[in-house]
Amino acid sequence: ELSEDKQKRLAEKGIESRPVTVGARPEHITLEKVEGAMLDGVVEVS
């Protein structure tokens, strides 16, 4: 679920359901456990 400010901006533009490219900066990705919102990746370089 997107944050309130993002909800507001998308609603103001009248955006409906659609395919998208999702962007997230490396510093905005966390290892915090959130039910139903987790993705998996295999470590290649640390």
PDB file of all heavy atoms in Angstrom:
ATOM      1  N   GLU A   1       0.851  -1.193   0.000  1.00  0.00           N
ATOM      2  CA  GLU A   1       0.000   0.000   0.000  1.00  0.00           C
ATOM      3  C   GLU A   1       0.884   1.240   0.000  1.00  0.00           C
ATOM      4  O   GLU A   1       1.812   1.362   0.813  1.00  0.00           O
ATOM      5  CB  GLU A   1      -0.912   0.012   1.226  1.00  0.00           C
ATOM      6  CG  GLU A   1      -1.866   1.195   1.261  1.00  0.00           C
ATOM      7  CD  GLU A   1      -2.772   1.181   2.478  1.00  0.00           C
ATOM      8  OE1 GLU A   1      -2.925   0.105   3.103  1.00  0.00           O
ATOM      9  OE2 GLU A   1      -3.326   2.251   2.810  1.00  0.00           O
ATOM     10  N   LEU A   2       0.618   2.176  -0.909  1.00  0.00           N
ATOM     11  CA  LEU A   2       1.432   3.388  -1.010  1.00  0.00           C
ATOM     12  C   LEU A   2       1.115   4.353   0.126  1.00  0.00           C
ATOM     13  O   LEU A   2       0.036   4.308   0.722  1.00  0.00           O
ATOM     14  CB  LEU A   2       1.199   4.069  -2.365  1.00  0.00           C
ATOM     15  CG  LEU A   2       1.617   3.261  -3.604  1.00  0.00           C
ATOM     16  CD1 LEU A   2       1.271   4.012  -4.874  1.00  0.00           C
ATOM     17  CD2 LEU A   2       3.113   2.955  -3.565  1.00  0.00           C
ATOM     18  N   SER A   3       2.054   5.257   0.396  1.00  0.00           N
ATOM     19  CA  SER A   3       1.898   6.224   1.490  1.00  0.00           C
ATOM     20  C   SER A   3       0.807   7.248   1.143  1.00  0.00           C
ATOM     21  O   SER A   3       0.407   7.393  -0.019  1.00  0.00           O
ATOM     22  CB  SER A   3       3.224   6.941   1.745  1.00  0.00           C
ATOM     23  OG  SER A   3       3.631   7.642   0.586  1.00  0.00           O
ATOM     24  N   GLU A   4       0.332   7.978   2.151  1.00  0.00           N
ATOM     25  CA  GLU A   4      -0.789   8.910   1.975  1.00  0.00           C
ATOM     26  C   GLU A   4      -0.496   9.987   0.944  1.00  0.00           C
ATOM     27  O   GLU A   4      -1.360  10.338   0.137  1.00  0.00           O
ATOM     28  CB  GLU A   4      -1.146   9.552   3.324  1.00  0.00           C
ATOM     29  CG  GLU A   4      -1.866   8.613   4.280  1.00  0.00           C
ATOM     30  CD  GLU A   4      -2.328   9.320   5.542  1.00  0.00           C
ATOM     31  OE1 GLU A   4      -2.389  10.573   5.516  1.00  0.00           O
ATOM     32  OE2 GLU A   4      -2.622   8.628   6.531  1.00  0.00           O
ATOM     33  N   ASP A   5       0.718  10.557   0.964  1.00  0.00           N
ATOM     34  CA  ASP A   5       1.020  11.632   0.021  1.00  0.00           C
ATOM     35  C   ASP A   5       1.026  11.116  -1.419  1.00  0.00           C
ATOM     36  O   ASP A   5       0.579  11.798  -2.342  1.00  0.00           O
ATOM     37  CB  ASP A   5       2.353  12.306   0.371  1.00  0.00           C
ATOM     38  CG  ASP A   5       3.511  11.339   0.407  1.00  0.00           C
ATOM     39  OD1 ASP A   5       3.291  10.142   0.649  1.00  0.00           O
ATOM     40  OD2 ASP A   5       4.659  11.789   0.174  1.00  0.00           O
ATOM     41  N   LYS A   6       1.496   9.900  -1.622  1.00  0.00           N
ATOM     42  CA  LYS A   6       1.483   9.314  -2.964  1.00  0.00           C
ATOM     43  C   LYS A   6       0.052   8.977  -3.392  1.00  0.00           C
ATOM     44  O   LYS A   6      -0.324   9.170  -4.553  1.00  0.00           O
ATOM     45  CB  LYS A   6       2.374   8.069  -3.010  1.00  0.00           C
ATOM     46  CG  LYS A   6       3.856   8.414  -2.848  1.00  0.00           C
ATOM     47  CD  LYS A   6       4.747   7.206  -3.000  1.00  0.00           C
ATOM     48  CE  LYS A   6       6.202   7.630  -2.937  1.00  0.00           C
ATOM     49  NZ  LYS A   6       6.614   8.442  -4.100  1.00  0.00           N
ATOM     50  N   GLN A   7      -0.751   8.488  -2.460  1.00  0.00           N
ATOM     51  CA  GLN A   7      -2.156   8.226  -2.742  1.00  0.00           C
ATOM     52  C   GLN A   7      -2.840   9.502  -3.240  1.00  0.00           C
ATOM     53  O   GLN A   7      -3.587   9.485  -4.235  1.00  0.00           O
ATOM     54  CB  GLN A   7      -2.880   7.754  -1.459  1.00  0.00           C
ATOM     55  CG  GLN A   7      -2.329   6.500  -0.829  1.00  0.00           C
ATOM     56  CD  GLN A   7      -3.056   5.242  -1.259  1.00  0.00           C
ATOM     57  OE1 GLN A   7      -4.012   5.300  -2.007  1.00  0.00           O
ATOM     58  NE2 GLN A   7      -2.568   4.093  -0.821  1.00  0.00           N
ATOM     59  N   LYS A   8      -2.564  10.596  -2.560  1.00  0.00           N
ATOM     60  CA  LYS A   8      -3.217  11.869  -2.885  1.00  0.00           C
ATOM     61  C   LYS A   8      -2.819  12.349  -4.284  1.00  0.00           C
ATOM     62  O   LYS A   8      -3.675  12.772  -5.073  1.00  0.00           O
ATOM     63  CB  LYS A   8      -2.837  12.911  -1.827  1.00  0.00           C
ATOM     64  CG  LYS A   8      -3.510  14.258  -2.032  1.00  0.00           C
ATOM     65  CD  LYS A   8      -3.086  15.242  -0.950  1.00  0.00           C
ATOM     66  CE  LYS A   8      -3.729  16.608  -1.192  1.00  0.00           C
ATOM     67  NZ  LYS A   8      -3.292  17.605  -0.177  1.00  0.00           N
ATOM     68  N   ARG A   9      -1.509  12.292  -4.597  1.00  0.00           N
ATOM     69  CA  ARG A   9      -1.054  12.790  -5.898  1.00  0.00           C
ATOM     70  C   ARG A   9      -1.610  11.945  -7.043  1.00  0.00           C
ATOM     71  O   ARG A   9      -2.007  12.478  -8.087  1.00  0.00           O
ATOM     72  CB  ARG A   9       0.477  12.825  -5.939  1.00  0.00           C
ATOM     73  CG  ARG A   9       1.077  14.018  -5.215  1.00  0.00           C
ATOM     74  CD  ARG A   9       2.555  14.161  -5.497  1.00  0.00           C
ATOM     75  NE  ARG A   9       3.333  13.147  -4.827  1.00  0.00           N
ATOM     76  CZ  ARG A   9       3.843  13.283  -3.601  1.00  0.00           C
ATOM     77  NH1 ARG A   9       3.632  14.393  -2.916  1.00  0.00           N
ATOM     78  NH2 ARG A   9       4.555  12.327  -3.058  1.00  0.00           N
ATOM     79  N   LEU A  10      -1.650  10.630  -6.874  1.00  0.00           N
ATOM     80  CA  LEU A  10      -2.190   9.764  -7.926  1.00  0.00           C
ATOM     81  C   LEU A  10      -3.686   9.986  -8.100  1.00  0.00           C
ATOM     82  O   LEU A  10      -4.199  10.001  -9.227  1.00  0.00           O
ATOM     83  CB  LEU A  10      -1.903   8.294  -7.584  1.00  0.00           C
ATOM     84  CG  LEU A  10      -0.434   7.865  -7.668  1.00  0.00           C
ATOM     85  CD1 LEU A  10      -0.246   6.474  -7.061  1.00  0.00           C
ATOM     86  CD2 LEU A  10       0.063   7.872  -9.109  1.00  0.00           C
ATOM     87  N   ALA A  11      -4.397  10.191  -6.979  1.00  0.00           N
ATOM     88  CA  ALA A  11      -5.840  10.431  -7.049  1.00  0.00           C
ATOM     89  C   ALA A  11      -6.133  11.750  -7.754  1.00  0.00           C
ATOM     90  O   ALA A  11      -7.077  11.849  -8.556  1.00  0.00           O
ATOM     91  CB  ALA A  11      -6.438  10.426  -5.638  1.00  0.00           C
ATOM     92  N   GLU A  12      -5.335  12.788  -7.441  1.00  0.00           N
ATOM     93  CA  GLU A  12      -5.539  14.097  -8.076  1.00  0.00           C
ATOM     94  C   GLU A  12      -5.361  14.027  -9.586  1.00  0.00           C
ATOM     95  O   GLU A  12      -5.992  14.777 -10.332  1.00  0.00           O
ATOM     96  CB  GLU A  12      -4.555  15.120  -7.484  1.00  0.00           C
ATOM     97  CG  GLU A  12      -4.922  15.565  -6.075  1.00  0.00           C
ATOM     98  CD  GLU A  12      -3.851  16.441  -5.449  1.00  0.00           C
ATOM     99  OE1 GLU A  12      -2.739  16.558  -6.029  1.00  0.00           O
ATOM    100  OE2 GLU A  12      -4.121  17.012  -4.367  1.00  0.00           O
ATOM    101  N   LYS A  13      -4.519  13.124 -10.051  1.00  0.00           N
ATOM    102  CA  LYS A  13      -4.296  12.966 -11.481  1.00  0.00           C
ATOM    103  C   LYS A  13      -5.257  11.956 -12.115  1.00  0.00           C
ATOM    104  O   LYS A  13      -5.201  11.707 -13.325  1.00  0.00           O
ATOM    105  CB  LYS A  13      -2.841  12.558 -11.745  1.00  0.00           C
ATOM    106  CG  LYS A  13      -1.842  13.678 -11.451  1.00  0.00           C
ATOM    107  CD  LYS A  13      -0.434  13.270 -11.831  1.00  0.00           C
ATOM    108  CE  LYS A  13       0.528  14.449 -11.643  1.00  0.00           C
ATOM    109  NZ  LYS A  13       0.301  15.510 -12.640  1.00  0.00           N
ATOM    110  N   GLY A  14      -6.103  11.371 -11.297  1.00  0.00           N
ATOM    111  CA  GLY A  14      -7.102  10.448 -11.814  1.00  0.00           C
ATOM    112  C   GLY A  14      -6.517   9.163 -12.372  1.00  0.00           C
ATOM    113  O   GLY A  14      -7.057   8.568 -13.307  1.00  0.00           O
ATOM    114  N   ILE A  15      -5.434   8.699 -11.795  1.00  0.00           N
ATOM    115  CA  ILE A  15      -4.766   7.481 -12.280  1.00  0.00           C
ATOM    116  C   ILE A  15      -5.581   6.255 -11.877  1.00  0.00           C
ATOM    117  O   ILE A  15      -5.998   6.114 -10.717  1.00  0.00           O
ATOM    118  CB  ILE A  15      -3.331   7.368 -11.714  1.00  0.00           C
ATOM    119  CG1 ILE A  15      -2.515   8.627 -12.042  1.00  0.00           C
ATOM    120  CG2 ILE A  15      -2.640   6.120 -12.264  1.00  0.00           C
ATOM    121  CD1 ILE A  15      -2.283   8.873 -13.501  1.00  0.00           C
ATOM    122  N   GLU A  16      -5.804   5.367 -12.838  1.00  0.00           N
ATOM    123  CA  GLU A  16      -6.533   4.133 -12.581  1.00  0.00           C
ATOM    124  C   GLU A  16      -5.564   2.950 -12.556  1.00  0.00           C
ATOM    125  O   GLU A  16      -4.373   3.099 -12.840  1.00  0.00           O
ATOM    126  CB  GLU A  16      -7.607   3.926 -13.655  1.00  0.00           C
ATOM    127  CG  GLU A  16      -8.682   5.007 -13.683  1.00  0.00           C
ATOM    128  CD  GLU A  16      -9.526   5.067 -12.415  1.00  0.00           C
ATOM    129  OE1 GLU A  16      -9.685   4.001 -11.777  1.00  0.00           O
ATOM    130  OE2 GLU A  16     -10.013   6.158 -12.052  1.00  0.00           O
ATOM    131  N   SER A  17      -6.099   1.760 -12.248  1.00  0.00           N
ATOM    132  CA  SER A  17      -5.272   0.541 -12.236  1.00  0.00           C
ATOM    133  C   SER A  17      -4.641   0.336 -13.610  1.00  0.00           C
ATOM    134  O   SER A  17      -5.307   0.514 -14.645  1.00  0.00           O
ATOM    135  CB  SER A  17      -6.134  -0.672 -11.866  1.00  0.00           C
ATOM    136  OG  SER A  17      -6.687  -0.524 -10.584  1.00  0.00           O
ATOM    137  N   ARG A  18      -3.377  -0.074 -13.610  1.00  0.00           N
ATOM    138  CA  ARG A  18      -2.662  -0.217 -14.884  1.00  0.00           C
ATOM    139  C   ARG A  18      -1.304  -0.872 -14.650  1.00  0.00           C
ATOM    140  O   ARG A  18      -0.777  -0.858 -13.540  1.00  0.00           O
ATOM    141  CB  ARG A  18      -2.460   1.149 -15.528  1.00  0.00           C
ATOM    142  CG  ARG A  18      -1.819   2.166 -14.590  1.00  0.00           C
ATOM    143  CD  ARG A  18      -1.478   3.446 -15.294  1.00  0.00           C
ATOM    144  NE  ARG A  18      -0.498   3.206 -16.328  1.00  0.00           N
ATOM    145  CZ  ARG A  18      -0.172   4.090 -17.271  1.00  0.00           C
ATOM    146  NH1 ARG A  18      -0.759   5.272 -17.290  1.00  0.00           N
ATOM    147  NH2 ARG A  18       0.725   3.816 -18.181  1.00  0.00           N
ATOM    148  N   PRO A  19      -0.669  -1.420 -15.700  1.00  0.00           N
ATOM    149  CA  PRO A  19       0.704  -1.919 -15.570  1.00  0.00           C
ATOM    150  C   PRO A  19       1.660  -0.742 -15.354  1.00  0.00           C
ATOM    151  O   PRO A  19       1.468   0.336 -15.926  1.00  0.00           O
ATOM    152  CB  PRO A  19       0.977  -2.593 -16.920  1.00  0.00           C
ATOM    153  CG  PRO A  19      -0.363  -2.818 -17.530  1.00  0.00           C
ATOM    154  CD  PRO A  19      -1.240  -1.712 -17.027  1.00  0.00           C
ATOM    155  N   VAL A  20       2.689  -0.943 -14.545  1.00  0.00           N
ATOM    156  CA  VAL A  20       3.668   0.118 -14.264  1.00  0.00           C
ATOM    157  C   VAL A  20       5.064  -0.494 -14.133  1.00  0.00           C
ATOM    158  O   VAL A  20       5.218  -1.712 -13.984  1.00  0.00           O
ATOM    159  CB  VAL A  20       3.334   0.879 -12.949  1.00  0.00           C
ATOM    160  CG1 VAL A  20       2.073   1.701 -13.091  1.00  0.00           C
ATOM    161  CG2 VAL A  20       3.252  -0.077 -11.764  1.00  0.00           C
ATOM    162  N   THR A  21       6.043   0.382 -14.205  1.00  0.00           N
ATOM    163  CA  THR A  21       7.397   0.035 -13.774  1.00  0.00           C
ATOM    164  C   THR A  21       7.561   0.599 -12.373  1.00  0.00           C
ATOM    165  O   THR A  21       7.319   1.795 -12.147  1.00  0.00           O
ATOM    166  CB  THR A  21       8.453   0.644 -14.712  1.00  0.00           C
ATOM    167  OG1 THR A  21       8.286   0.096 -16.020  1.00  0.00           O
ATOM    168  CG2 THR A  21       9.854   0.325 -14.215  1.00  0.00           C
ATOM    169  N   VAL A  22       7.921  -0.247 -11.436  1.00  0.00           N
ATOM    170  CA  VAL A  22       8.056   0.174 -10.035  1.00  0.00           C
ATOM    171  C   VAL A  22       9.520   0.487  -9.753  1.00  0.00           C
ATOM    172  O   VAL A  22      10.408  -0.327 -10.018  1.00  0.00           O
ATOM    173  CB  VAL A  22       7.569  -0.945  -9.084  1.00  0.00           C
ATOM    174  CG1 VAL A  22       7.704  -0.504  -7.627  1.00  0.00           C
ATOM    175  CG2 VAL A  22       6.130  -1.314  -9.392  1.00  0.00           C
ATOM    176  N   GLY A  23       9.778   1.697  -9.225  1.00  0.00           N
ATOM    177  CA  GLY A  23      11.151   2.109  -8.910  1.00  0.00           C
ATOM    178  C   GLY A  23      11.351   2.262  -7.415  1.00  0.00           C
ATOM    179  O   GLY A  23      10.463   2.753  -6.705  1.00  0.00           O
ATOM    180  N   ALA A  24      12.513   1.836  -6.941  1.00  0.00           N
ATOM    181  CA  ALA A  24      12.863   1.997  -5.517  1.00  0.00           C
ATOM    182  C   ALA A  24      14.373   2.149  -5.403  1.00  0.00           C
ATOM    183  O   ALA A  24      15.126   1.339  -5.948  1.00  0.00           O
ATOM    184  CB  ALA A  24      12.389   0.808  -4.696  1.00  0.00           C
ATOM    185  N   ARG A  25      14.806   3.180  -4.718  1.00  0.00           N
ATOM    186  CA  ARG A  25      16.245   3.402  -4.535  1.00  0.00           C
ATOM    187  C   ARG A  25      16.817   2.383  -3.548  1.00  0.00           C
ATOM    188  O   ARG A  25      16.103   1.918  -2.647  1.00  0.00           O
ATOM    189  CB  ARG A  25      16.517   4.828  -4.059  1.00  0.00           C
ATOM    190  CG  ARG A  25      16.085   5.891  -5.059  1.00  0.00           C
ATOM    191  CD  ARG A  25      16.726   7.232  -4.793  1.00  0.00           C
ATOM    192  NE  ARG A  25      16.273   8.228  -5.759  1.00  0.00           N
ATOM    193  CZ  ARG A  25      16.776   8.368  -6.980  1.00  0.00           C
ATOM    194  NH1 ARG A  25      17.754   7.567  -7.380  1.00  0.00           N
ATOM    195  NH2 ARG A  25      16.322   9.304  -7.804  1.00  0.00           N
ATOM    196  N   PRO A  26      18.102   2.028  -3.711  1.00  0.00           N
ATOM    197  CA  PRO A  26      18.721   1.021  -2.827  1.00  0.00           C
ATOM    198  C   PRO A  26      18.576   1.347  -1.343  1.00  0.00           C
ATOM    199  O   PRO A  26      18.409   0.438  -0.523  1.00  0.00           O
ATOM    200  CB  PRO A  26      20.192   1.042  -3.255  1.00  0.00           C
ATOM    201  CG  PRO A  26      20.154   1.463  -4.681  1.00  0.00           C
ATOM    202  CD  PRO A  26      19.043   2.462  -4.772  1.00  0.00           C
ATOM    203  N   GLU A  27      18.619   2.649  -1.001  1.00  0.00           N
ATOM    204  CA  GLU A  27      18.505   3.028   0.405  1.00  0.00           C
ATOM    205  C   GLU A  27      17.068   2.979   0.912  1.00  0.00           C
ATOM    206  O   GLU A  27      16.823   3.146   2.113  1.00  0.00           O
ATOM    207  CB  GLU A  27      19.106   4.422   0.655  1.00  0.00           C
ATOM    208  CG  GLU A  27      18.628   5.503  -0.280  1.00  0.00           C
ATOM    209  CD  GLU A  27      19.478   5.659  -1.517  1.00  0.00           C
ATOM    210  OE1 GLU A  27      19.621   4.710  -2.302  1.00  0.00           O
ATOM    211  OE2 GLU A  27      20.008   6.769  -1.717  1.00  0.00           O
ATOM    212  N   HIS A  28      16.102   2.789  -0.018  1.00  0.00           N
ATOM    213  CA  HIS A  28      14.689   2.731   0.368  1.00  0.00           C
ATOM    214  C   HIS A  28      14.143   1.308   0.313  1.00  0.00           C
ATOM    215  O   HIS A  28      12.937   1.102   0.268  1.00  0.00           O
ATOM    216  CB  HIS A  28      13.863   3.649  -0.546  1.00  0.00           C
ATOM    217  CG  HIS A  28      14.250   5.095  -0.433  1.00  0.00           C
ATOM    218  ND1 HIS A  28      14.164   5.984  -1.484  1.00  0.00           N
ATOM    219  CD2 HIS A  28      14.753   5.799   0.621  1.00  0.00           C
ATOM    220  CE1 HIS A  28      14.581   7.170  -1.086  1.00  0.00           C
ATOM    221  NE2 HIS A  28      14.941   7.079   0.191  1.00  0.00           N
ATOM    222  N   ILE A  29      15.052   0.339   0.283  1.00  0.00           N
ATOM    223  CA  ILE A  29      14.675  -1.074   0.357  1.00  0.00           C
ATOM    224  C   ILE A  29      15.136  -1.600   1.713  1.00  0.00           C
ATOM    225  O   ILE A  29      16.263  -1.339   2.126  1.00  0.00           O
ATOM    226  CB  ILE A  29      15.312  -1.881  -0.786  1.00  0.00           C
ATOM    227  CG1 ILE A  29      14.776  -1.379  -2.138  1.00  0.00           C
ATOM    228  CG2 ILE A  29      15.044  -3.362  -0.627  1.00  0.00           C
ATOM    229  CD1 ILE A  29      15.360  -2.090  -3.329  1.00  0.00           C
ATOM    230  N   THR A  30      14.253  -2.297   2.409  1.00  0.00           N
ATOM    231  CA  THR A  30      14.587  -2.738   3.764  1.00  0.00           C
ATOM    232  C   THR A  30      14.420  -4.255   3.897  1.00  0.00           C
ATOM    233  O   THR A  30      13.745  -4.905   3.095  1.00  0.00           O
ATOM    234  CB  THR A  30      13.701  -2.048   4.813  1.00  0.00           C
ATOM    235  OG1 THR A  30      12.366  -2.576   4.716  1.00  0.00           O
ATOM    236  CG2 THR A  30      13.650  -0.542   4.596  1.00  0.00           C
ATOM    237  N   LEU A  31      15.036  -4.791   4.941  1.00  0.00           N
ATOM    238  CA  LEU A  31      14.916  -6.216   5.260  1.00  0.00           C
ATOM    239  C   LEU A  31      13.827  -6.464   6.297  1.00  0.00           C
ATOM    240  O   LEU A  31      13.659  -7.578   6.775  1.00  0.00           O
ATOM    241  CB  LEU A  31      16.261  -6.748   5.781  1.00  0.00           C
ATOM    242  CG  LEU A  31      17.473  -6.542   4.862  1.00  0.00           C
ATOM    243  CD1 LEU A  31      18.721  -7.166   5.473  1.00  0.00           C
ATOM    244  CD2 LEU A  31      17.215  -7.115   3.473  1.00  0.00           C
ATOM    245  N   GLU A  32      13.095  -5.405   6.625  1.00  0.00           N
ATOM    246  CA  GLU A  32      12.009  -5.518   7.611  1.00  0.00           C
ATOM    247  C   GLU A  32      10.930  -6.479   7.094  1.00  0.00           C
ATOM    248  O   GLU A  32      10.549  -6.440   5.922  1.00  0.00           O
ATOM    249  CB  GLU A  32      11.407  -4.130   7.844  1.00  0.00           C
ATOM    250  CG  GLU A  32      10.296  -4.100   8.867  1.00  0.00           C
ATOM    251  CD  GLU A  32       9.677  -2.713   8.988  1.00  0.00           C
ATOM    252  OE1 GLU A  32      10.190  -1.780   8.334  1.00  0.00           O
ATOM    253  OE2 GLU A  32       8.682  -2.574   9.721  1.00  0.00           O
ATOM    254  N   LYS A  33      10.445  -7.349   7.963  1.00  0.00           N
ATOM    255  CA  LYS A  33       9.444  -8.340   7.582  1.00  0.00           C
ATOM    256  C   LYS A  33       8.050  -7.703   7.577  1.00  0.00           C
ATOM    257  O   LYS A  33       7.578  -7.217   8.608  1.00  0.00           O
ATOM    258  CB  LYS A  33       9.448  -9.532   8.550  1.00  0.00           C
ATOM    259  CG  LYS A  33      10.802 -10.241   8.653  1.00  0.00           C
ATOM    260  CD  LYS A  33      11.191 -10.909   7.354  1.00  0.00           C
ATOM    261  CE  LYS A  33      12.522 -11.638   7.485  1.00  0.00           C
ATOM    262  NZ  LYS A  33      12.967 -12.195   6.196  1.00  0.00           N
ATOM    263  N   VAL A  34       7.403  -7.684   6.405  1.00  0.00           N
ATOM    264  CA  VAL A  34       6.044  -7.158   6.269  1.00  0.00           C
ATOM    265  C   VAL A  34       5.205  -8.216   5.562  1.00  0.00           C
ATOM    266  O   VAL A  34       5.492  -8.572   4.412  1.00  0.00           O
ATOM    267  CB  VAL A  34       6.022  -5.845   5.463  1.00  0.00           C
ATOM    268  CG1 VAL A  34       4.588  -5.330   5.352  1.00  0.00           C
ATOM    269  CG2 VAL A  34       6.924  -4.798   6.110  1.00  0.00           C
ATOM    270  N   GLU A  35       4.197  -8.708   6.228  1.00  0.00           N
ATOM    271  CA  GLU A  35       3.400  -9.813   5.680  1.00  0.00           C
ATOM    272  C   GLU A  35       2.777  -9.433   4.338  1.00  0.00           C
ATOM    273  O   GLU A  35       2.160  -8.367   4.197  1.00  0.00           O
ATOM    274  CB  GLU A  35       2.303 -10.202   6.676  1.00  0.00           C
ATOM    275  CG  GLU A  35       1.539 -11.457   6.257  1.00  0.00           C
ATOM    276  CD  GLU A  35       0.514 -11.881   7.288  1.00  0.00           C
ATOM    277  OE1 GLU A  35       0.549 -11.341   8.425  1.00  0.00           O
ATOM    278  OE2 GLU A  35      -0.316 -12.747   6.951  1.00  0.00           O
ATOM    279  N   GLY A  36       2.963 -10.283   3.344  1.00  0.00           N
ATOM    280  CA  GLY A  36       2.367 -10.083   2.025  1.00  0.00           C
ATOM    281  C   GLY A  36       3.112  -9.094   1.154  1.00  0.00           C
ATOM    282  O   GLY A  36       2.701  -8.826   0.022  1.00  0.00           O
ATOM    283  N   ALA A  37       4.223  -8.523   1.671  1.00  0.00           N
ATOM    284  CA  ALA A  37       4.929  -7.486   0.904  1.00  0.00           C
ATOM    285  C   ALA A  37       6.399  -7.822   0.696  1.00  0.00           C
ATOM    286  O   ALA A  37       7.216  -6.946   0.432  1.00  0.00           O
ATOM    287  CB  ALA A  37       4.812  -6.145   1.638  1.00  0.00           C
ATOM    288  N   MET A  38       6.765  -9.113   0.813  1.00  0.00           N
ATOM    289  CA  MET A  38       8.169  -9.492   0.747  1.00  0.00           C
ATOM    290  C   MET A  38       8.551 -10.030  -0.643  1.00  0.00           C
ATOM    291  O   MET A  38       7.768 -10.704  -1.311  1.00  0.00           O
ATOM    292  CB  MET A  38       8.478 -10.562   1.800  1.00  0.00           C
ATOM    293  CG  MET A  38       8.172 -10.136   3.233  1.00  0.00           C
ATOM    294  SD  MET A  38       8.972  -8.583   3.723  1.00  0.00           S
ATOM    295  CE  MET A  38      10.692  -9.106   3.744  1.00  0.00           C
ATOM    296  N   LEU A  39       9.761  -9.696  -1.041  1.00  0.00           N
ATOM    297  CA  LEU A  39      10.346 -10.174  -2.288  1.00  0.00           C
ATOM    298  C   LEU A  39      11.601 -10.972  -1.969  1.00  0.00           C
ATOM    299  O   LEU A  39      12.234 -10.745  -0.926  1.00  0.00           O
ATOM    300  CB  LEU A  39      10.692  -8.996  -3.193  1.00  0.00           C
ATOM    301  CG  LEU A  39       9.507  -8.135  -3.650  1.00  0.00           C
ATOM    302  CD1 LEU A  39       9.959  -6.726  -3.957  1.00  0.00           C
ATOM    303  CD2 LEU A  39       8.837  -8.749  -4.859  1.00  0.00           C
ATOM    304  N   ASP A  40      11.975 -11.883  -2.857  1.00  0.00           N
ATOM    305  CA  ASP A  40      13.164 -12.709  -2.642  1.00  0.00           C
ATOM    306  C   ASP A  40      14.253 -12.349  -3.648  1.00  0.00           C
ATOM    307  O   ASP A  40      13.981 -12.029  -4.806  1.00  0.00           O
ATOM    308  CB  ASP A  40      12.840 -14.194  -2.814  1.00  0.00           C
ATOM    309  CG  ASP A  40      11.943 -14.708  -1.702  1.00  0.00           C
ATOM    310  OD1 ASP A  40      11.871 -14.033  -0.660  1.00  0.00           O
ATOM    311  OD2 ASP A  40      11.309 -15.767  -1.887  1.00  0.00           O
ATOM    312  N   GLY A  41      15.506 -12.422  -3.189  1.00  0.00           N
ATOM    313  CA  GLY A  41      16.650 -12.237  -4.072  1.00  0.00           C
ATOM    314  C   GLY A  41      17.813 -13.089  -3.600  1.00  0.00           C
ATOM    315  O   GLY A  41      17.963 -13.341  -2.399  1.00  0.00           O
ATOM    316  N   VAL A  42      18.630 -13.516  -4.544  1.00  0.00           N
ATOM    317  CA  VAL A  42      19.800 -14.340  -4.224  1.00  0.00           C
ATOM    318  C   VAL A  42      21.041 -13.445  -4.228  1.00  0.00           C
ATOM    319  O   VAL A  42      21.285 -12.704  -5.192  1.00  0.00           O
ATOM    320  CB  VAL A  42      19.969 -15.484  -5.246  1.00  0.00           C
ATOM    321  CG1 VAL A  42      21.229 -16.283  -4.949  1.00  0.00           C
ATOM    322  CG2 VAL A  42      18.747 -16.395  -5.226  1.00  0.00           C
ATOM    323  N   VAL A  43      21.833 -13.510  -3.164  1.00  0.00           N
ATOM    324  CA  VAL A  43      23.024 -12.672  -3.031  1.00  0.00           C
ATOM    325  C   VAL A  43      24.088 -13.088  -4.062  1.00  0.00           C
ATOM    326  O   VAL A  43      24.484 -14.249  -4.123  1.00  0.00           O
ATOM    327  CB  VAL A  43      23.626 -12.770  -1.607  1.00  0.00           C
ATOM    328  CG1 VAL A  43      24.893 -11.922  -1.507  1.00  0.00           C
ATOM    329  CG2 VAL A  43      22.601 -12.331  -0.571  1.00  0.00           C
ATOM    330  N   GLU A  44      24.515 -12.123  -4.874  1.00  0.00           N
ATOM    331  CA  GLU A  44      25.588 -12.371  -5.846  1.00  0.00           C
ATOM    332  C   GLU A  44      26.880 -11.671  -5.449  1.00  0.00           C
ATOM    333  O   GLU A  44      27.970 -12.172  -5.667  1.00  0.00           O
ATOM    334  CB  GLU A  44      25.151 -11.898  -7.234  1.00  0.00           C
ATOM    335  CG  GLU A  44      24.016 -12.728  -7.826  1.00  0.00           C
ATOM    336  CD  GLU A  44      23.706 -12.361  -9.254  1.00  0.00           C
ATOM    337  OE1 GLU A  44      23.856 -11.169  -9.619  1.00  0.00           O
ATOM    338  OE2 GLU A  44      23.305 -13.262 -10.030  1.00  0.00           O
ATOM    339  N   VAL A  45      26.744 -10.477  -4.850  1.00  0.00           N
ATOM    340  CA  VAL A  45      27.911  -9.718  -4.384  1.00  0.00           C
ATOM    341  C   VAL A  45      27.532  -9.021  -3.088  1.00  0.00           C
ATOM    342  O   VAL A  45      26.425  -8.494  -2.955  1.00  0.00           O
ATOM    343  CB  VAL A  45      28.353  -8.653  -5.424  1.00  0.00           C
ATOM    344  CG1 VAL A  45      29.531  -7.835  -4.888  1.00  0.00           C
ATOM    345  CG2 VAL A  45      28.726  -9.298  -6.749  1.00  0.00           C
ATOM    346  N   SER A  46      28.461  -9.026  -2.119  1.00  0.00           N
ATOM    347  CA  SER A  46      28.264  -8.299  -0.864  1.00  0.00           C
ATOM    348  C   SER A  46      29.451  -7.365  -0.660  1.00  0.00           C
ATOM    349  O   SER A  46      30.587  -7.815  -0.542  1.00  0.00           O
ATOM    350  CB  SER A  46      28.148  -9.282   0.309  1.00  0.00           C
ATOM    351  OG  SER A  46      28.044  -8.586   1.537  1.00  0.00           O
TER     352      SER A  46
END
